[in-house]
Amino acid sequence: MQVEEESMKPVLNRLRRAQGQLAAVIAMVESGRDCKDVVTQLAAVSKALDRAGFKIVASGMRQCLADDSDTPPMTQEELEKLFLTLA
């Protein structure tokens, strides 16, 4: 399954934001910041990554429903497995 180009921009934006947040978390740990602050920021990174993953899976589902290419569409089981990997 390939993600449509139009869906990639928001996904890449989310991933870049998560990358920046993760760099901030690393800096926080290195500087000995309070555990509560670190965990809060780490949760934000996790949420950003989850949202990017769901966006990719949702785009794939949309493509499977409208796909006219020679590539066989993903089965329901394959799509369910993708969702469960994010759970």
N, C-alpha and C. Protein backbone atom coordinates (compact mmCIF):
# COMPACT_ATOMS: atom_id res chain seq x y z
N MET A 1 0.85 -1.17 0.00
CA MET A 1 0.00 0.00 0.00
C MET A 1 0.90 1.23 0.00
N GLN A 2 0.64 2.14 -0.90
CA GLN A 2 1.37 3.40 -0.94
C GLN A 2 0.41 4.52 -0.55
N VAL A 3 0.94 5.47 0.17
CA VAL A 3 0.12 6.61 0.61
C VAL A 3 0.04 7.63 -0.51
N GLU A 4 -1.17 8.14 -0.73
CA GLU A 4 -1.36 9.16 -1.76
C GLU A 4 -0.49 10.37 -1.45
N GLU A 5 0.01 10.99 -2.51
CA GLU A 5 0.89 12.16 -2.33
C GLU A 5 0.20 13.29 -1.58
N GLU A 6 -1.10 13.50 -1.85
CA GLU A 6 -1.82 14.58 -1.18
C GLU A 6 -1.96 14.33 0.32
N SER A 7 -1.95 13.07 0.73
CA SER A 7 -2.06 12.73 2.14
C SER A 7 -0.71 12.79 2.85
N MET A 8 0.37 12.81 2.08
CA MET A 8 1.70 12.77 2.68
C MET A 8 2.08 14.07 3.39
N LYS A 9 1.64 15.22 2.89
CA LYS A 9 2.05 16.48 3.48
C LYS A 9 1.65 16.58 4.96
N PRO A 10 0.38 16.33 5.30
CA PRO A 10 0.03 16.40 6.73
C PRO A 10 0.74 15.32 7.56
N VAL A 11 0.95 14.15 6.97
CA VAL A 11 1.65 13.08 7.69
C VAL A 11 3.09 13.51 7.97
N LEU A 12 3.75 14.04 6.95
CA LEU A 12 5.13 14.50 7.14
C LEU A 12 5.21 15.63 8.14
N ASN A 13 4.22 16.53 8.13
CA ASN A 13 4.19 17.61 9.12
C ASN A 13 4.09 17.05 10.53
N ARG A 14 3.22 16.06 10.71
CA ARG A 14 3.07 15.44 12.03
C ARG A 14 4.36 14.76 12.46
N LEU A 15 5.00 14.06 11.53
CA LEU A 15 6.24 13.36 11.85
C LEU A 15 7.37 14.34 12.18
N ARG A 16 7.43 15.43 11.45
CA ARG A 16 8.46 16.44 11.75
C ARG A 16 8.23 17.08 13.12
N ARG A 17 6.95 17.32 13.43
CA ARG A 17 6.62 17.89 14.73
C ARG A 17 7.01 16.90 15.84
N ALA A 18 6.72 15.62 15.62
CA ALA A 18 7.09 14.59 16.59
C ALA A 18 8.61 14.50 16.73
N GLN A 19 9.32 14.65 15.63
CA GLN A 19 10.78 14.61 15.67
C GLN A 19 11.32 15.76 16.54
N GLY A 20 10.75 16.94 16.37
CA GLY A 20 11.16 18.09 17.18
C GLY A 20 10.82 17.87 18.65
N GLN A 21 9.63 17.32 18.91
CA GLN A 21 9.23 17.05 20.28
C GLN A 21 10.16 16.01 20.92
N LEU A 22 10.52 14.99 20.16
CA LEU A 22 11.40 13.96 20.69
C LEU A 22 12.78 14.53 21.00
N ALA A 23 13.28 15.40 20.14
CA ALA A 23 14.56 16.05 20.41
C ALA A 23 14.48 16.86 21.70
N ALA A 24 13.35 17.51 21.92
CA ALA A 24 13.16 18.28 23.15
C ALA A 24 13.11 17.37 24.37
N VAL A 25 12.48 16.21 24.24
CA VAL A 25 12.41 15.26 25.34
C VAL A 25 13.82 14.76 25.68
N ILE A 26 14.61 14.45 24.67
CA ILE A 26 15.99 14.00 24.89
C ILE A 26 16.77 15.08 25.64
N ALA A 27 16.63 16.32 25.21
CA ALA A 27 17.32 17.43 25.87
C ALA A 27 16.85 17.58 27.32
N MET A 28 15.56 17.37 27.54
CA MET A 28 15.02 17.47 28.90
C MET A 28 15.63 16.41 29.81
N VAL A 29 15.73 15.18 29.30
CA VAL A 29 16.31 14.09 30.09
C VAL A 29 17.78 14.37 30.36
N GLU A 30 18.49 14.83 29.34
CA GLU A 30 19.91 15.12 29.49
C GLU A 30 20.18 16.24 30.50
N SER A 31 19.25 17.18 30.56
CA SER A 31 19.45 18.30 31.49
C SER A 31 18.85 18.03 32.87
N GLY A 32 18.29 16.85 33.06
CA GLY A 32 17.76 16.48 34.37
C GLY A 32 16.44 17.12 34.74
N ARG A 33 15.62 17.41 33.74
CA ARG A 33 14.31 18.03 34.01
C ARG A 33 13.42 17.11 34.82
N ASP A 34 12.41 17.69 35.40
CA ASP A 34 11.45 16.98 36.23
C ASP A 34 10.78 15.85 35.45
N CYS A 35 10.63 14.72 36.12
CA CYS A 35 10.05 13.53 35.49
C CYS A 35 8.66 13.81 34.91
N LYS A 36 7.84 14.56 35.63
CA LYS A 36 6.48 14.86 35.17
C LYS A 36 6.52 15.61 33.84
N ASP A 37 7.41 16.58 33.71
CA ASP A 37 7.54 17.34 32.46
C ASP A 37 7.98 16.44 31.30
N VAL A 38 8.94 15.56 31.60
CA VAL A 38 9.45 14.66 30.56
C VAL A 38 8.35 13.73 30.08
N VAL A 39 7.62 13.15 31.01
CA VAL A 39 6.56 12.20 30.64
C VAL A 39 5.45 12.91 29.86
N THR A 40 5.12 14.13 30.24
CA THR A 40 4.10 14.89 29.52
C THR A 40 4.51 15.12 28.07
N GLN A 41 5.75 15.51 27.88
CA GLN A 41 6.23 15.74 26.51
C GLN A 41 6.36 14.43 25.73
N LEU A 42 6.75 13.37 26.41
CA LEU A 42 6.85 12.07 25.76
C LEU A 42 5.48 11.58 25.30
N ALA A 43 4.45 11.86 26.09
CA ALA A 43 3.08 11.51 25.71
C ALA A 43 2.67 12.29 24.46
N ALA A 44 3.08 13.54 24.36
CA ALA A 44 2.76 14.34 23.17
C ALA A 44 3.44 13.75 21.93
N VAL A 45 4.67 13.29 22.07
CA VAL A 45 5.37 12.65 20.95
C VAL A 45 4.62 11.40 20.53
N SER A 46 4.24 10.60 21.48
CA SER A 46 3.53 9.36 21.20
C SER A 46 2.22 9.62 20.47
N LYS A 47 1.49 10.62 20.92
CA LYS A 47 0.21 10.97 20.29
C LYS A 47 0.43 11.44 18.85
N ALA A 48 1.46 12.24 18.62
CA ALA A 48 1.75 12.72 17.26
C ALA A 48 2.08 11.55 16.33
N LEU A 49 2.85 10.59 16.83
CA LEU A 49 3.19 9.42 16.02
C LEU A 49 1.96 8.57 15.74
N ASP A 50 1.11 8.39 16.75
CA ASP A 50 -0.12 7.62 16.56
C ASP A 50 -1.00 8.27 15.50
N ARG A 51 -1.14 9.57 15.58
CA ARG A 51 -2.00 10.28 14.62
C ARG A 51 -1.45 10.16 13.20
N ALA A 52 -0.14 10.21 13.05
CA ALA A 52 0.46 10.03 11.73
C ALA A 52 0.18 8.62 11.22
N GLY A 53 0.32 7.64 12.08
CA GLY A 53 0.04 6.26 11.69
C GLY A 53 -1.40 6.06 11.28
N PHE A 54 -2.33 6.61 12.04
CA PHE A 54 -3.74 6.48 11.70
C PHE A 54 -4.06 7.17 10.37
N LYS A 55 -3.42 8.29 10.13
CA LYS A 55 -3.62 9.00 8.87
C LYS A 55 -3.15 8.13 7.70
N ILE A 56 -2.03 7.46 7.86
CA ILE A 56 -1.52 6.58 6.80
C ILE A 56 -2.48 5.42 6.57
N VAL A 57 -2.95 4.80 7.64
CA VAL A 57 -3.88 3.67 7.51
C VAL A 57 -5.20 4.13 6.89
N ALA A 58 -5.72 5.27 7.32
CA ALA A 58 -6.98 5.78 6.76
C ALA A 58 -6.83 6.06 5.27
N SER A 59 -5.70 6.62 4.89
CA SER A 59 -5.45 6.88 3.47
C SER A 59 -5.41 5.57 2.69
N GLY A 60 -4.79 4.58 3.27
CA GLY A 60 -4.73 3.26 2.63
C GLY A 60 -6.09 2.65 2.45
N MET A 61 -6.96 2.81 3.45
CA MET A 61 -8.32 2.27 3.33
C MET A 61 -9.07 2.97 2.21
N ARG A 62 -8.92 4.28 2.12
CA ARG A 62 -9.59 5.03 1.07
C ARG A 62 -9.10 4.57 -0.30
N GLN A 63 -7.80 4.37 -0.42
CA GLN A 63 -7.24 3.92 -1.69
C GLN A 63 -7.75 2.53 -2.05
N CYS A 64 -7.86 1.66 -1.05
CA CYS A 64 -8.33 0.30 -1.33
C CYS A 64 -9.75 0.30 -1.88
N LEU A 65 -10.57 1.21 -1.39
CA LEU A 65 -11.95 1.28 -1.85
C LEU A 65 -12.05 1.85 -3.27
N ALA A 66 -11.11 2.70 -3.66
CA ALA A 66 -11.19 3.36 -4.95
C ALA A 66 -10.13 2.88 -5.93
N ASP A 67 -9.35 1.90 -5.56
CA ASP A 67 -8.19 1.49 -6.35
C ASP A 67 -8.61 0.75 -7.61
N ASP A 68 -8.09 1.22 -8.75
CA ASP A 68 -8.33 0.56 -10.03
C ASP A 68 -7.03 0.01 -10.62
N SER A 69 -5.97 -0.03 -9.81
CA SER A 69 -4.67 -0.46 -10.33
C SER A 69 -4.59 -1.98 -10.39
N ASP A 70 -3.47 -2.46 -10.89
CA ASP A 70 -3.24 -3.90 -10.99
C ASP A 70 -2.85 -4.52 -9.66
N THR A 71 -2.52 -3.67 -8.69
CA THR A 71 -2.15 -4.17 -7.38
C THR A 71 -3.39 -4.62 -6.64
N PRO A 72 -3.38 -5.84 -6.10
CA PRO A 72 -4.57 -6.29 -5.37
C PRO A 72 -4.78 -5.45 -4.12
N PRO A 73 -6.02 -5.12 -3.81
CA PRO A 73 -6.29 -4.32 -2.61
C PRO A 73 -5.97 -5.12 -1.35
N MET A 74 -5.74 -4.40 -0.27
CA MET A 74 -5.49 -5.06 1.00
C MET A 74 -6.76 -5.74 1.47
N THR A 75 -6.61 -6.86 2.11
CA THR A 75 -7.76 -7.56 2.66
C THR A 75 -8.19 -6.89 3.96
N GLN A 76 -9.38 -7.23 4.39
CA GLN A 76 -9.87 -6.69 5.66
C GLN A 76 -8.94 -7.10 6.80
N GLU A 77 -8.44 -8.32 6.75
CA GLU A 77 -7.54 -8.79 7.80
C GLU A 77 -6.23 -7.98 7.81
N GLU A 78 -5.71 -7.66 6.63
CA GLU A 78 -4.49 -6.86 6.56
C GLU A 78 -4.71 -5.46 7.13
N LEU A 79 -5.86 -4.86 6.79
CA LEU A 79 -6.17 -3.53 7.33
C LEU A 79 -6.36 -3.57 8.84
N GLU A 80 -7.04 -4.60 9.34
CA GLU A 80 -7.22 -4.75 10.78
C GLU A 80 -5.86 -4.88 11.48
N LYS A 81 -4.96 -5.65 10.87
CA LYS A 81 -3.63 -5.84 11.46
C LYS A 81 -2.89 -4.50 11.53
N LEU A 82 -3.02 -3.68 10.49
CA LEU A 82 -2.39 -2.36 10.52
C LEU A 82 -2.91 -1.53 11.67
N PHE A 83 -4.24 -1.52 11.84
CA PHE A 83 -4.82 -0.75 12.93
C PHE A 83 -4.33 -1.28 14.28
N LEU A 84 -4.27 -2.58 14.42
CA LEU A 84 -3.86 -3.17 15.71
C LEU A 84 -2.40 -2.90 16.02
N THR A 85 -1.57 -2.72 15.02
CA THR A 85 -0.17 -2.41 15.30
C THR A 85 -0.03 -1.03 15.94
N LEU A 86 -1.01 -0.17 15.74
CA LEU A 86 -0.99 1.15 16.36
C LEU A 86 -1.65 1.18 17.73
N ALA A 87 -2.36 0.11 18.06
CA ALA A 87 -3.09 0.08 19.33
C ALA A 87 -2.17 -0.22 20.50
